[in-house]
Amino acid sequence: MTAGAFGAVAQRYPAEMGRSGVAAVGRHLRDRVNPAPSEGLDFVNTGVRLVTDGLVAGIEGISSAEGAKECR
């Protein structure tokens, strides 16, 4: 993105997806509790962020430098 090939990307968090999935399996095995979807959704939201160096007023996002720091 910093080279200018893209104006923005949606950054997902696969490590959080994995942690959430393992925790859900553990809760199910231990307590027989099934995972619940995130409030107002029909799935578990593990997060996504708009990464762009051309932030627009009214649209939440982070810079490419901040996005690079969040890559794990």
C-alpha atoms as a PDB file:
ATOM      1  CA  MET A   1       0.000   0.000   0.000  1.00  0.00           C
ATOM      2  CA  THR A   2       2.807   2.401   0.770  1.00  0.00           C
ATOM      3  CA  ALA A   3       4.081   2.006  -2.815  1.00  0.00           C
ATOM      4  CA  GLY A   4       0.748   3.352  -4.075  1.00  0.00           C
ATOM      5  CA  ALA A   5      -0.617   0.169  -5.679  1.00  0.00           C
ATOM      6  CA  PHE A   6      -3.657   0.208  -3.370  1.00  0.00           C
ATOM      7  CA  GLY A   7      -5.543   3.081  -1.774  1.00  0.00           C
ATOM      8  CA  ALA A   8      -6.829   1.044   1.158  1.00  0.00           C
ATOM      9  CA  VAL A   9      -7.070  -2.513   2.464  1.00  0.00           C
ATOM     10  CA  ALA A  10      -9.270  -4.324   4.975  1.00  0.00           C
ATOM     11  CA  GLN A  11      -7.012  -5.769   7.667  1.00  0.00           C
ATOM     12  CA  ARG A  12      -8.266  -8.947   9.350  1.00  0.00           C
ATOM     13  CA  TYR A  13      -6.866 -10.579  12.460  1.00  0.00           C
ATOM     14  CA  PRO A  14      -6.342 -14.339  11.974  1.00  0.00           C
ATOM     15  CA  ALA A  15      -4.506 -14.717  15.302  1.00  0.00           C
ATOM     16  CA  GLU A  16      -7.611 -13.387  17.083  1.00  0.00           C
ATOM     17  CA  MET A  17      -9.763 -15.781  15.022  1.00  0.00           C
ATOM     18  CA  GLY A  18      -7.602 -18.685  16.166  1.00  0.00           C
ATOM     19  CA  ARG A  19      -7.611 -17.629  19.836  1.00  0.00           C
ATOM     20  CA  SER A  20     -11.368 -17.156  19.749  1.00  0.00           C
ATOM     21  CA  GLY A  21     -11.905 -20.533  18.099  1.00  0.00           C
ATOM     22  CA  VAL A  22      -9.705 -22.420  20.551  1.00  0.00           C
ATOM     23  CA  ALA A  23     -11.388 -20.673  23.499  1.00  0.00           C
ATOM     24  CA  ALA A  24     -14.831 -21.561  22.105  1.00  0.00           C
ATOM     25  CA  VAL A  25     -13.869 -25.233  21.766  1.00  0.00           C
ATOM     26  CA  GLY A  26     -12.505 -25.217  25.321  1.00  0.00           C
ATOM     27  CA  ARG A  27     -15.720 -23.675  26.705  1.00  0.00           C
ATOM     28  CA  HIS A  28     -17.808 -26.180  24.774  1.00  0.00           C
ATOM     29  CA  LEU A  29     -15.821 -29.173  26.021  1.00  0.00           C
ATOM     30  CA  ARG A  30     -15.621 -27.922  29.595  1.00  0.00           C
ATOM     31  CA  ASP A  31     -19.064 -26.332  30.080  1.00  0.00           C
ATOM     32  CA  ARG A  32     -21.098 -27.549  27.084  1.00  0.00           C
ATOM     33  CA  VAL A  33     -21.622 -23.896  26.087  1.00  0.00           C
ATOM     34  CA  ASN A  34     -21.833 -23.118  22.385  1.00  0.00           C
ATOM     35  CA  PRO A  35     -20.287 -19.885  21.104  1.00  0.00           C
ATOM     36  CA  ALA A  36     -22.711 -16.983  20.752  1.00  0.00           C
ATOM     37  CA  PRO A  37     -22.582 -14.541  17.853  1.00  0.00           C
ATOM     38  CA  SER A  38     -21.462 -10.973  18.439  1.00  0.00           C
ATOM     39  CA  GLU A  39     -24.247  -8.586  19.394  1.00  0.00           C
ATOM     40  CA  GLY A  40     -26.465  -7.742  16.434  1.00  0.00           C
ATOM     41  CA  LEU A  41     -24.712 -10.261  14.146  1.00  0.00           C
ATOM     42  CA  ASP A  42     -25.135 -13.908  13.209  1.00  0.00           C
ATOM     43  CA  PHE A  43     -21.393 -14.630  13.530  1.00  0.00           C
ATOM     44  CA  VAL A  44     -18.532 -13.962  15.936  1.00  0.00           C
ATOM     45  CA  ASN A  45     -16.854 -10.717  14.875  1.00  0.00           C
ATOM     46  CA  THR A  46     -13.090 -11.016  15.354  1.00  0.00           C
ATOM     47  CA  GLY A  47     -12.421  -7.582  13.920  1.00  0.00           C
ATOM     48  CA  VAL A  48     -11.494  -5.817  10.721  1.00  0.00           C
ATOM     49  CA  ARG A  49      -9.951  -2.399  10.189  1.00  0.00           C
ATOM     50  CA  LEU A  50      -9.649  -0.080   7.228  1.00  0.00           C
ATOM     51  CA  VAL A  51      -5.980   0.668   6.579  1.00  0.00           C
ATOM     52  CA  THR A  52      -5.257   3.689   4.406  1.00  0.00           C
ATOM     53  CA  ASP A  53      -2.977   6.685   4.250  1.00  0.00           C
ATOM     54  CA  GLY A  54      -5.852   8.699   2.780  1.00  0.00           C
ATOM     55  CA  LEU A  55      -8.249   8.754   5.731  1.00  0.00           C
ATOM     56  CA  VAL A  56     -11.631  10.330   5.030  1.00  0.00           C
ATOM     57  CA  ALA A  57     -13.630  12.246   7.643  1.00  0.00           C
ATOM     58  CA  GLY A  58     -16.409  10.112   9.073  1.00  0.00           C
ATOM     59  CA  ILE A  59     -14.816   6.766   8.154  1.00  0.00           C
ATOM     60  CA  GLU A  60     -12.860   5.050  10.895  1.00  0.00           C
ATOM     61  CA  GLY A  61      -9.465   3.709   9.869  1.00  0.00           C
ATOM     62  CA  ILE A  62      -5.774   3.538  10.662  1.00  0.00           C
ATOM     63  CA  SER A  63      -2.627   4.486   8.735  1.00  0.00           C
ATOM     64  CA  SER A  64      -0.453   1.955   6.918  1.00  0.00           C
ATOM     65  CA  ALA A  65       2.221   2.445   9.607  1.00  0.00           C
ATOM     66  CA  GLU A  66      -0.287   1.592  12.344  1.00  0.00           C
ATOM     67  CA  GLY A  67      -1.547  -1.361  10.293  1.00  0.00           C
ATOM     68  CA  ALA A  68       1.988  -2.700   9.894  1.00  0.00           C
ATOM     69  CA  LYS A  69       2.474  -2.555  13.678  1.00  0.00           C
ATOM     70  CA  GLU A  70      -0.679  -4.643  14.168  1.00  0.00           C
ATOM     71  CA  CYS A  71       0.446  -7.434  11.828  1.00  0.00           C
ATOM     72  CA  ARG A  72       1.422 -10.419  13.931  1.00  0.00           C
END
